């Protein structure tokens, strides 16, 4: 995820950290608890996240966002679709 003219507010703390909840606002569109992938938006963006067990909140804002894969991916869950 790359955000142009990025500013960060809040206590980032120790990283890496789990993201417990958050939202991505692009222009007037709000995506709660999910991020479209891959994606690119030229509008103003805000990424709001609650991190880790201590529930610290950070707000990242900027002028443009691009969301792309970096490196190899691995599945985090296996789903059995044979009985659907």
C-alpha atoms as a PDB file:
ATOM      1  CA  UNK A   1       0.000   0.000   0.000  1.00  0.00           C
ATOM      2  CA  UNK A   2       1.454   3.355  -1.050  1.00  0.00           C
ATOM      3  CA  UNK A   3      -0.066   6.689  -0.070  1.00  0.00           C
ATOM      4  CA  UNK A   4       1.206   9.967  -1.555  1.00  0.00           C
ATOM      5  CA  UNK A   5       1.741  12.981   0.748  1.00  0.00           C
ATOM      6  CA  UNK A   6       1.142  10.687   3.749  1.00  0.00           C
ATOM      7  CA  UNK A   7       0.641  11.953   7.299  1.00  0.00           C
ATOM      8  CA  UNK A   8       0.283   9.734  10.375  1.00  0.00           C
ATOM      9  CA  UNK A   9      -1.529  10.640  13.588  1.00  0.00           C
ATOM     10  CA  UNK A  10      -1.609   8.485  16.696  1.00  0.00           C
ATOM     11  CA  UNK A  11       0.755   6.110  18.477  1.00  0.00           C
ATOM     12  CA  UNK A  12       2.139   3.586  15.990  1.00  0.00           C
ATOM     13  CA  UNK A  13       4.063   1.676  18.685  1.00  0.00           C
ATOM     14  CA  UNK A  14       5.686  -1.709  18.139  1.00  0.00           C
ATOM     15  CA  UNK A  15       5.412  -3.280  14.683  1.00  0.00           C
ATOM     16  CA  UNK A  16       4.401  -5.662  13.266  1.00  0.00           C
ATOM     17  CA  UNK A  17       1.001  -5.588  14.974  1.00  0.00           C
ATOM     18  CA  UNK A  18      -2.405  -7.142  14.382  1.00  0.00           C
ATOM     19  CA  UNK A  19      -5.088  -4.900  12.880  1.00  0.00           C
ATOM     20  CA  UNK A  20      -8.274  -5.460  14.897  1.00  0.00           C
ATOM     21  CA  UNK A  21     -10.522  -3.145  12.920  1.00  0.00           C
ATOM     22  CA  UNK A  22     -10.372  -0.185  10.627  1.00  0.00           C
ATOM     23  CA  UNK A  23     -11.737   1.630   7.646  1.00  0.00           C
ATOM     24  CA  UNK A  24     -10.490   3.018   4.366  1.00  0.00           C
ATOM     25  CA  UNK A  25     -12.136   6.225   3.156  1.00  0.00           C
ATOM     26  CA  UNK A  26     -11.551   7.185  -0.473  1.00  0.00           C
ATOM     27  CA  UNK A  27     -13.250  10.451  -1.387  1.00  0.00           C
ATOM     28  CA  UNK A  28     -16.752   9.986   0.080  1.00  0.00           C
ATOM     29  CA  UNK A  29     -16.718   6.152  -0.061  1.00  0.00           C
ATOM     30  CA  UNK A  30     -16.030   4.259   3.199  1.00  0.00           C
ATOM     31  CA  UNK A  31     -14.896   0.620   3.324  1.00  0.00           C
ATOM     32  CA  UNK A  32     -15.220  -0.781   6.872  1.00  0.00           C
ATOM     33  CA  UNK A  33     -12.907  -3.653   7.842  1.00  0.00           C
ATOM     34  CA  UNK A  34     -11.863  -4.422   4.260  1.00  0.00           C
ATOM     35  CA  UNK A  35      -9.511  -3.073   1.629  1.00  0.00           C
ATOM     36  CA  UNK A  36     -10.047  -3.649  -2.113  1.00  0.00           C
ATOM     37  CA  UNK A  37      -7.095  -5.424  -3.707  1.00  0.00           C
ATOM     38  CA  UNK A  38      -5.516  -4.547  -6.094  1.00  0.00           C
ATOM     39  CA  UNK A  39      -6.699  -0.955  -6.371  1.00  0.00           C
ATOM     40  CA  UNK A  40      -5.611   2.578  -7.203  1.00  0.00           C
ATOM     41  CA  UNK A  41      -7.456   5.791  -6.366  1.00  0.00           C
ATOM     42  CA  UNK A  42      -6.419   9.382  -7.174  1.00  0.00           C
ATOM     43  CA  UNK A  43      -8.728  10.900  -4.509  1.00  0.00           C
ATOM     44  CA  UNK A  44      -7.984  11.963  -0.937  1.00  0.00           C
ATOM     45  CA  UNK A  45      -7.695   8.906   1.332  1.00  0.00           C
ATOM     46  CA  UNK A  46      -7.890   8.148   5.059  1.00  0.00           C
ATOM     47  CA  UNK A  47      -6.907   4.827   6.620  1.00  0.00           C
ATOM     48  CA  UNK A  48      -8.050   4.417  10.216  1.00  0.00           C
ATOM     49  CA  UNK A  49      -6.835   1.345  12.161  1.00  0.00           C
ATOM     50  CA  UNK A  50      -7.022  -0.104  15.667  1.00  0.00           C
ATOM     51  CA  UNK A  51      -3.794  -2.008  16.290  1.00  0.00           C
ATOM     52  CA  UNK A  52      -2.747  -4.785  18.672  1.00  0.00           C
ATOM     53  CA  UNK A  53      -3.985  -5.833  22.096  1.00  0.00           C
ATOM     54  CA  UNK A  54      -3.585  -2.335  23.540  1.00  0.00           C
ATOM     55  CA  UNK A  55      -6.166  -0.919  21.054  1.00  0.00           C
ATOM     56  CA  UNK A  56      -4.004   1.947  19.830  1.00  0.00           C
ATOM     57  CA  UNK A  57      -5.589   4.013  17.048  1.00  0.00           C
ATOM     58  CA  UNK A  58      -3.683   5.418  14.092  1.00  0.00           C
ATOM     59  CA  UNK A  59      -4.967   7.569  11.258  1.00  0.00           C
ATOM     60  CA  UNK A  60      -3.073   7.712   7.973  1.00  0.00           C
ATOM     61  CA  UNK A  61      -4.148  10.272   5.383  1.00  0.00           C
ATOM     62  CA  UNK A  62      -2.899  11.320   1.982  1.00  0.00           C
ATOM     63  CA  UNK A  63      -3.735  12.407  -1.536  1.00  0.00           C
ATOM     64  CA  UNK A  64      -3.645   9.142  -3.512  1.00  0.00           C
ATOM     65  CA  UNK A  65      -3.436   5.414  -2.772  1.00  0.00           C
ATOM     66  CA  UNK A  66      -2.265   2.361  -4.684  1.00  0.00           C
ATOM     67  CA  UNK A  67      -2.670  -1.142  -3.270  1.00  0.00           C
ATOM     68  CA  UNK A  68      -0.591  -3.870  -4.886  1.00  0.00           C
ATOM     69  CA  UNK A  69       0.895  -7.243  -3.996  1.00  0.00           C
ATOM     70  CA  UNK A  70       4.465  -7.183  -2.787  1.00  0.00           C
ATOM     71  CA  UNK A  71       6.365 -10.456  -2.965  1.00  0.00           C
ATOM     72  CA  UNK A  72       4.823 -13.922  -2.864  1.00  0.00           C
ATOM     73  CA  UNK A  73       1.503 -14.547  -1.158  1.00  0.00           C
ATOM     74  CA  UNK A  74       0.355 -17.447   0.985  1.00  0.00           C
ATOM     75  CA  UNK A  75      -3.154 -18.605   1.819  1.00  0.00           C
ATOM     76  CA  UNK A  76      -4.261 -17.868   5.376  1.00  0.00           C
ATOM     77  CA  UNK A  77      -7.359 -20.079   5.290  1.00  0.00           C
ATOM     78  CA  UNK A  78      -8.429 -23.212   3.470  1.00  0.00           C
ATOM     79  CA  UNK A  79     -12.107 -23.508   2.501  1.00  0.00           C
ATOM     80  CA  UNK A  80     -13.778 -26.742   1.400  1.00  0.00           C
ATOM     81  CA  UNK A  81     -16.273 -25.893  -1.367  1.00  0.00           C
ATOM     82  CA  UNK A  82     -17.200 -29.521  -2.218  1.00  0.00           C
ATOM     83  CA  UNK A  83     -20.398 -29.562  -0.110  1.00  0.00           C
ATOM     84  CA  UNK A  84     -21.777 -26.194  -1.220  1.00  0.00           C
END
